[in-house]
Amino acid sequence: MTTDSGAPRSGEQQESLAGTQIKAIPARHPGRWVATIFVLYLVVALIHAAATNPNLDWGEVTRNLFDGFVLKGVLNTLWLTFLSMVVGVVLGTILAVMRLSPVPIVSGAAWAYIWFFRGTPVFVQLLFWGSIAALTGPHVAVQIPLSGVVLFQTTTTNLVPPLVAAVLGLGLNEGAYMAEIVRAGILSVGEGQSEAAASLGMTRLKTMRLIILPQAMRVIVPPTGNETIGMLKTTSLVGATIAYPELTYVVTQVYAVNFLIIPWLLIASIWYLAMTSVLTFGQYYIERYYARGAARTLPPTPLQRLRALFGRTLTTIHAREATQPLGPISKAR
């Protein structure tokens, strides 16, 4: 080996160069540190404000968080959400298939339904079903036309109790939105699938049930999960219109008596957050299930993400230790 002047280097110089390592200096990102400090400051300030504000009354919250009255409202909310989503999904699937029908009357009827229920507020629809007796009268009768023979007669309140009125108001409205979600999922499947099924002699209904819908679920599931979470929160409108004892209605009835508005609203908020978190967790695994045939590698689960995060952290620490300059003893060796 030679020097810059062309003369050969001595053995001591070559050993000195061999023991020297290039020290990589990472790029500086001061903006990240500023943003991190600012966010941490906001988090600490919010926690301090929540812990020290006497108006929040955390003692009242902890005492009544699992009160039987509150738990009954939670169960009613979950039951109402489940029934409304079942009605919405089934009705939306039927309407989506009708929208794609080649028969103009069938597709036009589905379009008119979607237009009406998406064009009017769900609050108004709940008020309508809660006041259905003003339309039909106090009694409802089914009779043979032009004969006067009554086959069935009952009161309107027995035929449409508060739970049925709430499910009709929420489910019929949800069906209009689910129809567009299911239709988008069906259209996402290539036309070649339908053509291949038709070449095998499968009927249109059988093709839709066995070929198209299973493949469309990958597109349908994510927005359906969002609709379910939205439905859970929309049930809070039921208490103000139909007086069904869901969570928000129960909470408002309590603080109307003891005037502790903020603590009881916190109780409702905590339960809504807990329920939506469970639904979000379930939605993730359903999406992962239907992604099996579309992705070569499935998205990691939350536990896998935590393990990967800690694994990356340990790898970064080991890499930094490996790039540090060698000490005198190591250099001597």
C-alpha atoms as a PDB file:
ATOM      1  CA  MET A   1       0.000   0.000   0.000  1.00  0.00           C
ATOM      2  CA  THR A   2       1.326   3.479  -0.907  1.00  0.00           C
ATOM      3  CA  THR A   3       0.853   6.942   0.558  1.00  0.00           C
ATOM      4  CA  ASP A   4      -0.547   9.959  -1.295  1.00  0.00           C
ATOM      5  CA  SER A   5       2.986  10.800  -2.462  1.00  0.00           C
ATOM      6  CA  GLY A   6       3.435   7.371  -3.975  1.00  0.00           C
ATOM      7  CA  ALA A   7       5.774   6.009  -1.259  1.00  0.00           C
ATOM      8  CA  PRO A   8       4.813   2.728   0.378  1.00  0.00           C
ATOM      9  CA  ARG A   9       3.185   2.904   3.828  1.00  0.00           C
ATOM     10  CA  SER A  10       4.841   1.383   6.821  1.00  0.00           C
ATOM     11  CA  GLY A  11       3.394  -1.565   8.724  1.00  0.00           C
ATOM     12  CA  GLU A  12       2.471   0.631  11.716  1.00  0.00           C
ATOM     13  CA  GLN A  13       0.444   2.952   9.472  1.00  0.00           C
ATOM     14  CA  GLN A  14      -1.410   0.004   7.906  1.00  0.00           C
ATOM     15  CA  GLU A  15      -2.259  -1.436  11.365  1.00  0.00           C
ATOM     16  CA  SER A  16      -3.495   1.979  12.493  1.00  0.00           C
ATOM     17  CA  LEU A  17      -5.814   2.298   9.449  1.00  0.00           C
ATOM     18  CA  ALA A  18      -7.088  -1.264   9.914  1.00  0.00           C
ATOM     19  CA  GLY A  19      -8.087  -0.552  13.511  1.00  0.00           C
ATOM     20  CA  THR A  20      -9.927   2.657  12.603  1.00  0.00           C
ATOM     21  CA  GLN A  21     -13.742   2.333  12.102  1.00  0.00           C
ATOM     22  CA  ILE A  22     -16.034   4.744  10.319  1.00  0.00           C
ATOM     23  CA  LYS A  23     -18.429   6.255  12.841  1.00  0.00           C
ATOM     24  CA  ALA A  24     -21.859   6.841  11.268  1.00  0.00           C
ATOM     25  CA  ILE A  25     -23.560   9.953  12.586  1.00  0.00           C
ATOM     26  CA  PRO A  26     -27.371   9.700  12.368  1.00  0.00           C
ATOM     27  CA  ALA A  27     -29.344  12.534  10.809  1.00  0.00           C
ATOM     28  CA  ARG A  28     -30.749  15.077  13.222  1.00  0.00           C
ATOM     29  CA  HIS A  29     -34.529  15.582  13.380  1.00  0.00           C
ATOM     30  CA  PRO A  30     -35.183  18.461  15.773  1.00  0.00           C
ATOM     31  CA  GLY A  31     -38.778  18.794  14.567  1.00  0.00           C
ATOM     32  CA  ARG A  32     -39.588  15.317  15.856  1.00  0.00           C
ATOM     33  CA  TRP A  33     -38.289  16.171  19.310  1.00  0.00           C
ATOM     34  CA  VAL A  34     -40.288  19.390  19.393  1.00  0.00           C
ATOM     35  CA  ALA A  35     -43.474  17.580  18.331  1.00  0.00           C
ATOM     36  CA  THR A  36     -42.868  14.799  20.871  1.00  0.00           C
ATOM     37  CA  ILE A  37     -42.327  17.244  23.729  1.00  0.00           C
ATOM     38  CA  PHE A  38     -45.429  19.226  22.744  1.00  0.00           C
ATOM     39  CA  VAL A  39     -47.633  16.108  22.621  1.00  0.00           C
ATOM     40  CA  LEU A  40     -46.282  14.862  25.945  1.00  0.00           C
ATOM     41  CA  TYR A  41     -46.989  18.254  27.473  1.00  0.00           C
ATOM     42  CA  LEU A  42     -50.608  18.136  26.247  1.00  0.00           C
ATOM     43  CA  VAL A  43     -51.064  14.603  27.585  1.00  0.00           C
ATOM     44  CA  VAL A  44     -49.661  15.491  30.997  1.00  0.00           C
ATOM     45  CA  ALA A  45     -51.762  18.679  31.129  1.00  0.00           C
ATOM     46  CA  LEU A  46     -54.965  16.789  30.274  1.00  0.00           C
ATOM     47  CA  ILE A  47     -54.253  14.074  32.846  1.00  0.00           C
ATOM     48  CA  HIS A  48     -53.511  16.678  35.512  1.00  0.00           C
ATOM     49  CA  ALA A  49     -56.669  18.629  34.685  1.00  0.00           C
ATOM     50  CA  ALA A  50     -58.802  15.485  34.782  1.00  0.00           C
ATOM     51  CA  ALA A  51     -57.301  14.356  38.073  1.00  0.00           C
ATOM     52  CA  THR A  52     -57.577  17.692  39.873  1.00  0.00           C
ATOM     53  CA  ASN A  53     -60.905  19.052  38.566  1.00  0.00           C
ATOM     54  CA  PRO A  54     -63.446  18.635  41.395  1.00  0.00           C
ATOM     55  CA  ASN A  55     -66.401  18.950  39.007  1.00  0.00           C
ATOM     56  CA  LEU A  56     -65.575  15.583  37.462  1.00  0.00           C
ATOM     57  CA  ASP A  57     -66.234  13.849  40.808  1.00  0.00           C
ATOM     58  CA  TRP A  58     -64.388  10.600  40.093  1.00  0.00           C
ATOM     59  CA  GLY A  59     -65.696   9.167  43.356  1.00  0.00           C
ATOM     60  CA  GLU A  60     -69.254   9.305  42.000  1.00  0.00           C
ATOM     61  CA  VAL A  61     -68.044   7.733  38.767  1.00  0.00           C
ATOM     62  CA  THR A  62     -66.299   4.796  40.427  1.00  0.00           C
ATOM     63  CA  ARG A  63     -69.194   4.155  42.808  1.00  0.00           C
ATOM     64  CA  ASN A  64     -71.806   3.930  40.058  1.00  0.00           C
ATOM     65  CA  LEU A  65     -69.857   2.635  37.070  1.00  0.00           C
ATOM     66  CA  PHE A  66     -71.153  -0.903  37.640  1.00  0.00           C
ATOM     67  CA  ASP A  67     -74.503   0.039  39.116  1.00  0.00           C
ATOM     68  CA  GLY A  68     -77.325  -2.335  38.166  1.00  0.00           C
ATOM     69  CA  PHE A  69     -79.288   0.489  36.560  1.00  0.00           C
ATOM     70  CA  VAL A  70     -76.304   1.356  34.370  1.00  0.00           C
ATOM     71  CA  LEU A  71     -75.601  -2.269  33.443  1.00  0.00           C
ATOM     72  CA  LYS A  72     -79.204  -2.697  32.353  1.00  0.00           C
ATOM     73  CA  GLY A  73     -78.808   0.297  30.054  1.00  0.00           C
ATOM     74  CA  VAL A  74     -75.600  -1.196  28.629  1.00  0.00           C
ATOM     75  CA  LEU A  75     -77.309  -4.521  27.899  1.00  0.00           C
ATOM     76  CA  ASN A  76     -80.269  -2.765  26.281  1.00  0.00           C
ATOM     77  CA  THR A  77     -77.869  -0.747  24.117  1.00  0.00           C
ATOM     78  CA  LEU A  78     -76.042  -3.875  22.947  1.00  0.00           C
ATOM     79  CA  TRP A  79     -79.299  -5.717  22.259  1.00  0.00           C
ATOM     80  CA  LEU A  80     -80.726  -2.787  20.310  1.00  0.00           C
ATOM     81  CA  THR A  81     -77.497  -2.458  18.306  1.00  0.00           C
ATOM     82  CA  PHE A  82     -77.498  -6.173  17.465  1.00  0.00           C
ATOM     83  CA  LEU A  83     -81.126  -6.279  16.326  1.00  0.00           C
ATOM     84  CA  SER A  84     -80.829  -3.087  14.286  1.00  0.00           C
ATOM     85  CA  MET A  85     -77.673  -4.274  12.524  1.00  0.00           C
ATOM     86  CA  VAL A  86     -79.244  -7.654  11.709  1.00  0.00           C
ATOM     87  CA  VAL A  87     -82.200  -5.868  10.114  1.00  0.00           C
ATOM     88  CA  GLY A  88     -79.883  -3.435   8.332  1.00  0.00           C
ATOM     89  CA  VAL A  89     -77.499  -6.090   6.954  1.00  0.00           C
ATOM     90  CA  VAL A  90     -80.248  -8.441   5.745  1.00  0.00           C
ATOM     91  CA  LEU A  91     -82.279  -5.620   4.234  1.00  0.00           C
ATOM     92  CA  GLY A  92     -79.188  -3.984   2.740  1.00  0.00           C
ATOM     93  CA  THR A  93     -78.106  -7.231   1.049  1.00  0.00           C
ATOM     94  CA  ILE A  94     -81.562  -7.667  -0.489  1.00  0.00           C
ATOM     95  CA  LEU A  95     -81.632  -4.052  -1.664  1.00  0.00           C
ATOM     96  CA  ALA A  96     -78.127  -4.329  -3.145  1.00  0.00           C
ATOM     97  CA  VAL A  97     -79.129  -7.379  -5.182  1.00  0.00           C
ATOM     98  CA  MET A  98     -82.284  -5.555  -6.285  1.00  0.00           C
ATOM     99  CA  ARG A  99     -80.232  -2.507  -7.342  1.00  0.00           C
ATOM    100  CA  LEU A 100     -78.168  -4.755  -9.617  1.00  0.00           C
ATOM    101  CA  SER A 101     -81.223  -6.491 -11.059  1.00  0.00           C
ATOM    102  CA  PRO A 102     -81.772  -6.137 -14.826  1.00  0.00           C
ATOM    103  CA  VAL A 103     -85.508  -5.604 -14.174  1.00  0.00           C
ATOM    104  CA  PRO A 104     -86.138  -1.820 -14.164  1.00  0.00           C
ATOM    105  CA  ILE A 105     -89.038  -1.926 -11.688  1.00  0.00           C
ATOM    106  CA  VAL A 106     -87.032  -3.952  -9.162  1.00  0.00           C
ATOM    107  CA  SER A 107     -83.910  -1.791  -9.389  1.00  0.00           C
ATOM    108  CA  GLY A 108     -86.025   1.383  -9.378  1.00  0.00           C
ATOM    109  CA  ALA A 109     -87.877   0.350  -6.218  1.00  0.00           C
ATOM    110  CA  ALA A 110     -84.568  -0.339  -4.446  1.00  0.00           C
ATOM    111  CA  TRP A 111     -83.188   3.018  -5.595  1.00  0.00           C
ATOM    112  CA  ALA A 112     -86.321   4.843  -4.306  1.00  0.00           C
ATOM    113  CA  TYR A 113     -86.015   3.159  -0.901  1.00  0.00           C
ATOM    114  CA  ILE A 114     -82.346   4.117  -0.578  1.00  0.00           C
ATOM    115  CA  TRP A 115     -83.075   7.652  -1.755  1.00  0.00           C
ATOM    116  CA  PHE A 116     -85.807   8.162   0.839  1.00  0.00           C
ATOM    117  CA  PHE A 117     -84.119   6.674   3.907  1.00  0.00           C
ATOM    118  CA  ARG A 118     -80.738   8.246   3.194  1.00  0.00           C
ATOM    119  CA  GLY A 119     -82.381  11.589   2.485  1.00  0.00           C
ATOM    120  CA  THR A 120     -84.237  11.926   5.799  1.00  0.00           C
ATOM    121  CA  PRO A 121     -82.529  12.146   9.234  1.00  0.00           C
ATOM    122  CA  VAL A 122     -82.589   9.075  11.422  1.00  0.00           C
ATOM    123  CA  PHE A 123     -83.818  11.269  14.292  1.00  0.00           C
ATOM    124  CA  VAL A 124     -86.935  12.148  12.292  1.00  0.00           C
ATOM    125  CA  GLN A 125     -87.494   8.507  11.393  1.00  0.00           C
ATOM    126  CA  LEU A 126     -87.282   7.526  15.065  1.00  0.00           C
ATOM    127  CA  LEU A 127     -89.811  10.223  15.930  1.00  0.00           C
ATOM    128  CA  PHE A 128     -92.100   8.854  13.211  1.00  0.00           C
ATOM    129  CA  TRP A 129     -91.989   5.289  14.557  1.00  0.00           C
ATOM    130  CA  GLY A 130     -92.384   6.528  18.113  1.00  0.00           C
ATOM    131  CA  SER A 131     -95.539   8.398  17.072  1.00  0.00           C
ATOM    132  CA  ILE A 132     -96.927   5.667  14.820  1.00  0.00           C
ATOM    133  CA  ALA A 133    -100.174   5.654  16.797  1.00  0.00           C
ATOM    134  CA  ALA A 134    -100.911   9.154  15.489  1.00  0.00           C
ATOM    135  CA  LEU A 135    -100.926   7.669  11.955  1.00  0.00           C
ATOM    136  CA  THR A 136    -102.725   4.373  12.458  1.00  0.00           C
ATOM    137  CA  GLY A 137    -104.902   5.309  15.435  1.00  0.00           C
ATOM    138  CA  PRO A 138    -104.994   3.547  18.806  1.00  0.00           C
ATOM    139  CA  HIS A 139    -106.045   0.222  17.247  1.00  0.00           C
ATOM    140  CA  VAL A 140    -104.790  -1.772  14.291  1.00  0.00           C
ATOM    141  CA  ALA A 141    -107.020  -4.311  12.526  1.00  0.00           C
ATOM    142  CA  VAL A 142    -106.464  -6.734   9.671  1.00  0.00           C
ATOM    143  CA  GLN A 143    -109.613  -7.617   7.732  1.00  0.00           C
ATOM    144  CA  ILE A 144    -110.682  -9.241   4.498  1.00  0.00           C
ATOM    145  CA  PRO A 145    -111.116  -6.539   1.830  1.00  0.00           C
ATOM    146  CA  LEU A 146    -114.709  -5.586   0.963  1.00  0.00           C
ATOM    147  CA  SER A 147    -116.131  -8.039   3.500  1.00  0.00           C
ATOM    148  CA  GLY A 148    -115.753  -6.330   6.846  1.00  0.00           C
ATOM    149  CA  VAL A 149    -114.545  -9.558   8.455  1.00  0.00           C
ATOM    150  CA  VAL A 150    -111.812  -8.721  10.983  1.00  0.00           C
ATOM    151  CA  LEU A 151    -109.046 -11.320  11.118  1.00  0.00           C
ATOM    152  CA  PHE A 152    -106.814  -9.672  13.696  1.00  0.00           C
ATOM    153  CA  GLN A 153    -107.114  -6.619  15.939  1.00  0.00           C
ATOM    154  CA  THR A 154    -104.836  -5.164  18.615  1.00  0.00           C
ATOM    155  CA  THR A 155    -103.665  -1.853  20.003  1.00  0.00           C
ATOM    156  CA  THR A 156    -100.885   0.011  18.281  1.00  0.00           C
ATOM    157  CA  THR A 157     -98.761   0.058  21.425  1.00  0.00           C
ATOM    158  CA  ASN A 158     -98.922  -3.748  21.637  1.00  0.00           C
ATOM    159  CA  LEU A 159     -98.076  -4.156  17.962  1.00  0.00           C
ATOM    160  CA  VAL A 160     -95.243  -1.604  17.988  1.00  0.00           C
ATOM    161  CA  PRO A 161     -93.732  -1.420  21.504  1.00  0.00           C
ATOM    162  CA  PRO A 162     -90.735   0.861  22.141  1.00  0.00           C
ATOM    163  CA  LEU A 163     -88.142  -1.813  21.280  1.00  0.00           C
ATOM    164  CA  VAL A 164     -89.833  -2.661  17.963  1.00  0.00           C
ATOM    165  CA  ALA A 165     -90.203   1.016  17.108  1.00  0.00           C
ATOM    166  CA  ALA A 166     -86.507   1.609  17.848  1.00  0.00           C
ATOM    167  CA  VAL A 167     -85.393  -1.402  15.778  1.00  0.00           C
ATOM    168  CA  LEU A 168     -87.597  -0.326  12.863  1.00  0.00           C
ATOM    169  CA  GLY A 169     -86.305   3.241  12.992  1.00  0.00           C
ATOM    170  CA  LEU A 170     -82.639   2.258  13.185  1.00  0.00           C
ATOM    171  CA  GLY A 171     -82.753  -0.926  11.085  1.00  0.00           C
ATOM    172  CA  LEU A 172     -84.682   0.483   8.122  1.00  0.00           C
ATOM    173  CA  ASN A 173     -82.373   3.486   8.013  1.00  0.00           C
ATOM    174  CA  GLU A 174     -79.275   1.301   8.260  1.00  0.00           C
ATOM    175  CA  GLY A 175     -80.543  -0.909   5.435  1.00  0.00           C
ATOM    176  CA  ALA A 176     -80.222   1.992   2.997  1.00  0.00           C
ATOM    177  CA  TYR A 177     -76.551   2.535   3.862  1.00  0.00           C
ATOM    178  CA  MET A 178     -75.736  -1.169   3.953  1.00  0.00           C
ATOM    179  CA  ALA A 179     -77.254  -1.536   0.482  1.00  0.00           C
ATOM    180  CA  GLU A 180     -74.610   0.757  -0.975  1.00  0.00           C
ATOM    181  CA  ILE A 181     -71.835  -0.981   0.974  1.00  0.00           C
ATOM    182  CA  VAL A 182     -72.891  -4.425  -0.221  1.00  0.00           C
ATOM    183  CA  ARG A 183     -73.352  -3.159  -3.780  1.00  0.00           C
ATOM    184  CA  ALA A 184     -69.809  -1.760  -3.763  1.00  0.00           C
ATOM    185  CA  GLY A 185     -68.510  -5.105  -2.516  1.00  0.00           C
ATOM    186  CA  ILE A 186     -70.367  -7.002  -5.250  1.00  0.00           C
ATOM    187  CA  LEU A 187     -69.063  -4.681  -7.958  1.00  0.00           C
ATOM    188  CA  SER A 188     -65.507  -5.167  -6.677  1.00  0.00           C
ATOM    189  CA  VAL A 189     -65.598  -8.830  -7.768  1.00  0.00           C
ATOM    190  CA  GLY A 190     -64.506  -9.326 -11.365  1.00  0.00           C
ATOM    191  CA  GLU A 191     -67.135 -10.105 -13.987  1.00  0.00           C
ATOM    192  CA  GLY A 192     -65.204 -13.196 -14.965  1.00  0.00           C
ATOM    193  CA  GLN A 193     -66.383 -14.881 -11.762  1.00  0.00           C
ATOM    194  CA  SER A 194     -70.026 -14.536 -12.782  1.00  0.00           C
ATOM    195  CA  GLU A 195     -69.286 -15.618 -16.328  1.00  0.00           C
ATOM    196  CA  ALA A 196     -67.439 -18.712 -15.126  1.00  0.00           C
ATOM    197  CA  ALA A 197     -70.326 -19.626 -12.802  1.00  0.00           C
ATOM    198  CA  ALA A 198     -72.841 -19.136 -15.612  1.00  0.00           C
ATOM    199  CA  SER A 199     -70.800 -21.400 -17.889  1.00  0.00           C
ATOM    200  CA  LEU A 200     -71.124 -24.122 -15.254  1.00  0.00           C
ATOM    201  CA  GLY A 201     -74.903 -23.762 -15.279  1.00  0.00           C
ATOM    202  CA  MET A 202     -75.242 -22.029 -11.905  1.00  0.00           C
ATOM    203  CA  THR A 203     -78.259 -19.790 -11.383  1.00  0.00           C
ATOM    204  CA  ARG A 204     -77.824 -16.081 -10.656  1.00  0.00           C
ATOM    205  CA  LEU A 205     -78.960 -16.495  -7.046  1.00  0.00           C
ATOM    206  CA  LYS A 206     -76.615 -19.442  -6.459  1.00  0.00           C
ATOM    207  CA  THR A 207     -73.743 -17.552  -8.070  1.00  0.00           C
ATOM    208  CA  MET A 208     -74.388 -14.587  -5.821  1.00  0.00           C
ATOM    209  CA  ARG A 209     -74.565 -16.734  -2.682  1.00  0.00           C
ATOM    210  CA  LEU A 210     -71.632 -19.072  -3.325  1.00  0.00           C
ATOM    211  CA  ILE A 211     -69.253 -17.116  -5.558  1.00  0.00           C
ATOM    212  CA  ILE A 212     -69.758 -13.346  -5.415  1.00  0.00           C
ATOM    213  CA  LEU A 213     -70.672 -12.573  -1.806  1.00  0.00           C
ATOM    214  CA  PRO A 214     -67.856 -14.629  -0.196  1.00  0.00           C
ATOM    215  CA  GLN A 215     -65.304 -12.732  -2.290  1.00  0.00           C
ATOM    216  CA  ALA A 216     -67.033  -9.399  -1.705  1.00  0.00           C
ATOM    217  CA  MET A 217     -66.808  -9.785   2.069  1.00  0.00           C
ATOM    218  CA  ARG A 218     -63.237  -8.481   2.025  1.00  0.00           C
ATOM    219  CA  VAL A 219     -64.612  -5.132   0.821  1.00  0.00           C
ATOM    220  CA  ILE A 220     -67.872  -5.261   2.799  1.00  0.00           C
ATOM    221  CA  VAL A 221     -66.527  -6.037   6.281  1.00  0.00           C
ATOM    222  CA  PRO A 222     -64.503  -2.836   7.039  1.00  0.00           C
ATOM    223  CA  PRO A 223     -67.306  -0.324   6.370  1.00  0.00           C
ATOM    224  CA  THR A 224     -69.815  -2.668   8.031  1.00  0.00           C
ATOM    225  CA  GLY A 225     -67.683  -2.587  11.161  1.00  0.00           C
ATOM    226  CA  ASN A 226     -67.713   1.193  11.045  1.00  0.00           C
ATOM    227  CA  GLU A 227     -71.496   1.151  10.614  1.00  0.00           C
ATOM    228  CA  THR A 228     -71.844  -1.140  13.642  1.00  0.00           C
ATOM    229  CA  ILE A 229     -69.811   1.207  15.799  1.00  0.00           C
ATOM    230  CA  GLY A 230     -71.838   4.120  14.472  1.00  0.00           C
ATOM    231  CA  MET A 231     -75.061   2.238  15.230  1.00  0.00           C
ATOM    232  CA  LEU A 232     -73.943   1.667  18.813  1.00  0.00           C
ATOM    233  CA  LYS A 233     -73.613   5.416  19.280  1.00  0.00           C
ATOM    234  CA  THR A 234     -76.755   6.240  17.291  1.00  0.00           C
ATOM    235  CA  THR A 235     -78.819   4.277  19.803  1.00  0.00           C
ATOM    236  CA  SER A 236     -78.338   7.256  22.118  1.00  0.00           C
ATOM    237  CA  LEU A 237     -81.022   9.033  20.062  1.00  0.00           C
ATOM    238  CA  VAL A 238     -83.612   6.395  20.932  1.00  0.00           C
ATOM    239  CA  GLY A 239     -84.063   7.549  24.510  1.00  0.00           C
ATOM    240  CA  ALA A 240     -84.875  11.075  23.370  1.00  0.00           C
ATOM    241  CA  THR A 241     -87.518   9.929  20.876  1.00  0.00           C
ATOM    242  CA  ILE A 242     -89.040   6.627  21.992  1.00  0.00           C
ATOM    243  CA  ALA A 243     -88.091   6.488  25.713  1.00  0.00           C
ATOM    244  CA  TYR A 244     -86.473   3.072  25.419  1.00  0.00           C
ATOM    245  CA  PRO A 245     -84.109   2.542  28.406  1.00  0.00           C
ATOM    246  CA  GLU A 246     -80.758   2.416  26.611  1.00  0.00           C
ATOM    247  CA  LEU A 247     -77.581   3.723  28.248  1.00  0.00           C
ATOM    248  CA  THR A 248     -77.952   7.434  27.493  1.00  0.00           C
ATOM    249  CA  TYR A 249     -81.613   7.425  28.527  1.00  0.00           C
ATOM    250  CA  VAL A 250     -80.742   5.732  31.826  1.00  0.00           C
ATOM    251  CA  VAL A 251     -77.978   8.235  32.557  1.00  0.00           C
ATOM    252  CA  THR A 252     -80.183  11.243  31.789  1.00  0.00           C
ATOM    253  CA  GLN A 253     -82.893   9.887  34.077  1.00  0.00           C
ATOM    254  CA  VAL A 254     -80.400   9.636  36.942  1.00  0.00           C
ATOM    255  CA  TYR A 255     -78.794  13.062  36.637  1.00  0.00           C
ATOM    256  CA  ALA A 256     -82.216  14.642  36.227  1.00  0.00           C
ATOM    257  CA  VAL A 257     -82.760  13.632  39.870  1.00  0.00           C
ATOM    258  CA  ASN A 258     -79.344  14.112  41.516  1.00  0.00           C
ATOM    259  CA  PHE A 259     -78.128  16.954  39.193  1.00  0.00           C
ATOM    260  CA  LEU A 260     -74.662  15.344  38.885  1.00  0.00           C
ATOM    261  CA  ILE A 261     -74.566  15.834  35.141  1.00  0.00           C
ATOM    262  CA  ILE A 262     -70.822  15.605  34.417  1.00  0.00           C
ATOM    263  CA  PRO A 263     -70.026  12.460  36.469  1.00  0.00           C
ATOM    264  CA  TRP A 264     -72.920  10.522  34.946  1.00  0.00           C
ATOM    265  CA  LEU A 265     -72.026  11.639  31.444  1.00  0.00           C
ATOM    266  CA  LEU A 266     -68.522  10.338  32.181  1.00  0.00           C
ATOM    267  CA  ILE A 267     -70.031   6.990  33.165  1.00  0.00           C
ATOM    268  CA  ALA A 268     -71.855   6.795  29.847  1.00  0.00           C
ATOM    269  CA  SER A 269     -68.728   7.834  27.929  1.00  0.00           C
ATOM    270  CA  ILE A 270     -66.588   5.181  29.621  1.00  0.00           C
ATOM    271  CA  TRP A 271     -69.071   2.444  28.744  1.00  0.00           C
ATOM    272  CA  TYR A 272     -69.388   3.632  25.138  1.00  0.00           C
ATOM    273  CA  LEU A 273     -65.600   3.641  24.816  1.00  0.00           C
ATOM    274  CA  ALA A 274     -65.405   0.125  26.256  1.00  0.00           C
ATOM    275  CA  MET A 275     -68.073  -1.229  23.896  1.00  0.00           C
ATOM    276  CA  THR A 276     -66.638   0.411  20.804  1.00  0.00           C
ATOM    277  CA  SER A 277     -63.171  -0.878  21.713  1.00  0.00           C
ATOM    278  CA  VAL A 278     -64.478  -4.451  21.856  1.00  0.00           C
ATOM    279  CA  LEU A 279     -66.236  -3.991  18.510  1.00  0.00           C
ATOM    280  CA  THR A 280     -63.080  -2.545  16.955  1.00  0.00           C
ATOM    281  CA  PHE A 281     -61.054  -5.506  18.216  1.00  0.00           C
ATOM    282  CA  GLY A 282     -63.586  -7.963  16.789  1.00  0.00           C
ATOM    283  CA  GLN A 283     -63.717  -6.109  13.467  1.00  0.00           C
ATOM    284  CA  TYR A 284     -59.947  -6.454  13.137  1.00  0.00           C
ATOM    285  CA  TYR A 285     -60.049 -10.243  13.431  1.00  0.00           C
ATOM    286  CA  ILE A 286     -62.996 -10.539  11.037  1.00  0.00           C
ATOM    287  CA  GLU A 287     -61.104  -8.470   8.461  1.00  0.00           C
ATOM    288  CA  ARG A 288     -58.069 -10.684   8.972  1.00  0.00           C
ATOM    289  CA  TYR A 289     -60.185 -13.804   8.438  1.00  0.00           C
ATOM    290  CA  TYR A 290     -61.570 -12.621   5.095  1.00  0.00           C
ATOM    291  CA  ALA A 291     -58.153 -11.398   3.946  1.00  0.00           C
ATOM    292  CA  ARG A 292     -56.775 -14.938   3.885  1.00  0.00           C
ATOM    293  CA  GLY A 293     -57.473 -15.537   0.206  1.00  0.00           C
ATOM    294  CA  ALA A 294     -56.526 -12.052  -0.982  1.00  0.00           C
ATOM    295  CA  ALA A 295     -53.182 -11.443   0.717  1.00  0.00           C
ATOM    296  CA  ARG A 296     -50.085 -13.616   0.720  1.00  0.00           C
ATOM    297  CA  THR A 297     -49.231 -12.560   4.254  1.00  0.00           C
ATOM    298  CA  LEU A 298     -51.967 -11.783   6.772  1.00  0.00           C
ATOM    299  CA  PRO A 299     -51.770  -8.520   8.734  1.00  0.00           C
ATOM    300  CA  PRO A 300     -50.221  -9.018  12.185  1.00  0.00           C
ATOM    301  CA  THR A 301     -52.403  -9.300  15.249  1.00  0.00           C
ATOM    302  CA  PRO A 302     -52.117  -6.715  18.050  1.00  0.00           C
ATOM    303  CA  LEU A 303     -49.970  -9.127  20.099  1.00  0.00           C
ATOM    304  CA  GLN A 304     -47.731  -9.754  17.108  1.00  0.00           C
ATOM    305  CA  ARG A 305     -47.353  -6.002  16.615  1.00  0.00           C
ATOM    306  CA  LEU A 306     -46.306  -5.562  20.245  1.00  0.00           C
ATOM    307  CA  ARG A 307     -43.738  -8.333  19.949  1.00  0.00           C
ATOM    308  CA  ALA A 308     -42.441  -6.833  16.703  1.00  0.00           C
ATOM    309  CA  LEU A 309     -42.220  -3.389  18.330  1.00  0.00           C
ATOM    310  CA  PHE A 310     -40.171  -4.696  21.239  1.00  0.00           C
ATOM    311  CA  GLY A 311     -38.116  -6.788  18.828  1.00  0.00           C
ATOM    312  CA  ARG A 312     -37.301  -3.721  16.724  1.00  0.00           C
ATOM    313  CA  THR A 313     -36.394  -1.795  19.873  1.00  0.00           C
ATOM    314  CA  LEU A 314     -33.969  -4.491  21.041  1.00  0.00           C
ATOM    315  CA  THR A 315     -32.496  -4.777  17.540  1.00  0.00           C
ATOM    316  CA  THR A 316     -31.907  -1.015  17.436  1.00  0.00           C
ATOM    317  CA  ILE A 317     -30.170  -1.116  20.832  1.00  0.00           C
ATOM    318  CA  HIS A 318     -27.913  -3.977  19.761  1.00  0.00           C
ATOM    319  CA  ALA A 319     -27.108  -2.213  16.479  1.00  0.00           C
ATOM    320  CA  ARG A 320     -26.120   0.979  18.299  1.00  0.00           C
ATOM    321  CA  GLU A 321     -23.911  -0.969  20.674  1.00  0.00           C
ATOM    322  CA  ALA A 322     -22.252  -2.722  17.732  1.00  0.00           C
ATOM    323  CA  THR A 323     -21.475   0.583  15.954  1.00  0.00           C
ATOM    324  CA  GLN A 324     -19.843   2.191  18.988  1.00  0.00           C
ATOM    325  CA  PRO A 325     -16.023   2.688  18.771  1.00  0.00           C
ATOM    326  CA  LEU A 326     -13.990  -0.155  20.243  1.00  0.00           C
ATOM    327  CA  GLY A 327     -12.345   0.392  23.588  1.00  0.00           C
ATOM    328  CA  PRO A 328      -8.562   0.242  24.194  1.00  0.00           C
ATOM    329  CA  ILE A 329      -8.628  -3.438  25.168  1.00  0.00           C
ATOM    330  CA  SER A 330     -10.575  -4.439  22.035  1.00  0.00           C
ATOM    331  CA  LYS A 331      -8.254  -2.416  19.834  1.00  0.00           C
ATOM    332  CA  ALA A 332      -5.257  -4.064  21.368  1.00  0.00           C
ATOM    333  CA  ARG A 333      -6.718  -7.431  20.634  1.00  0.00           C
END
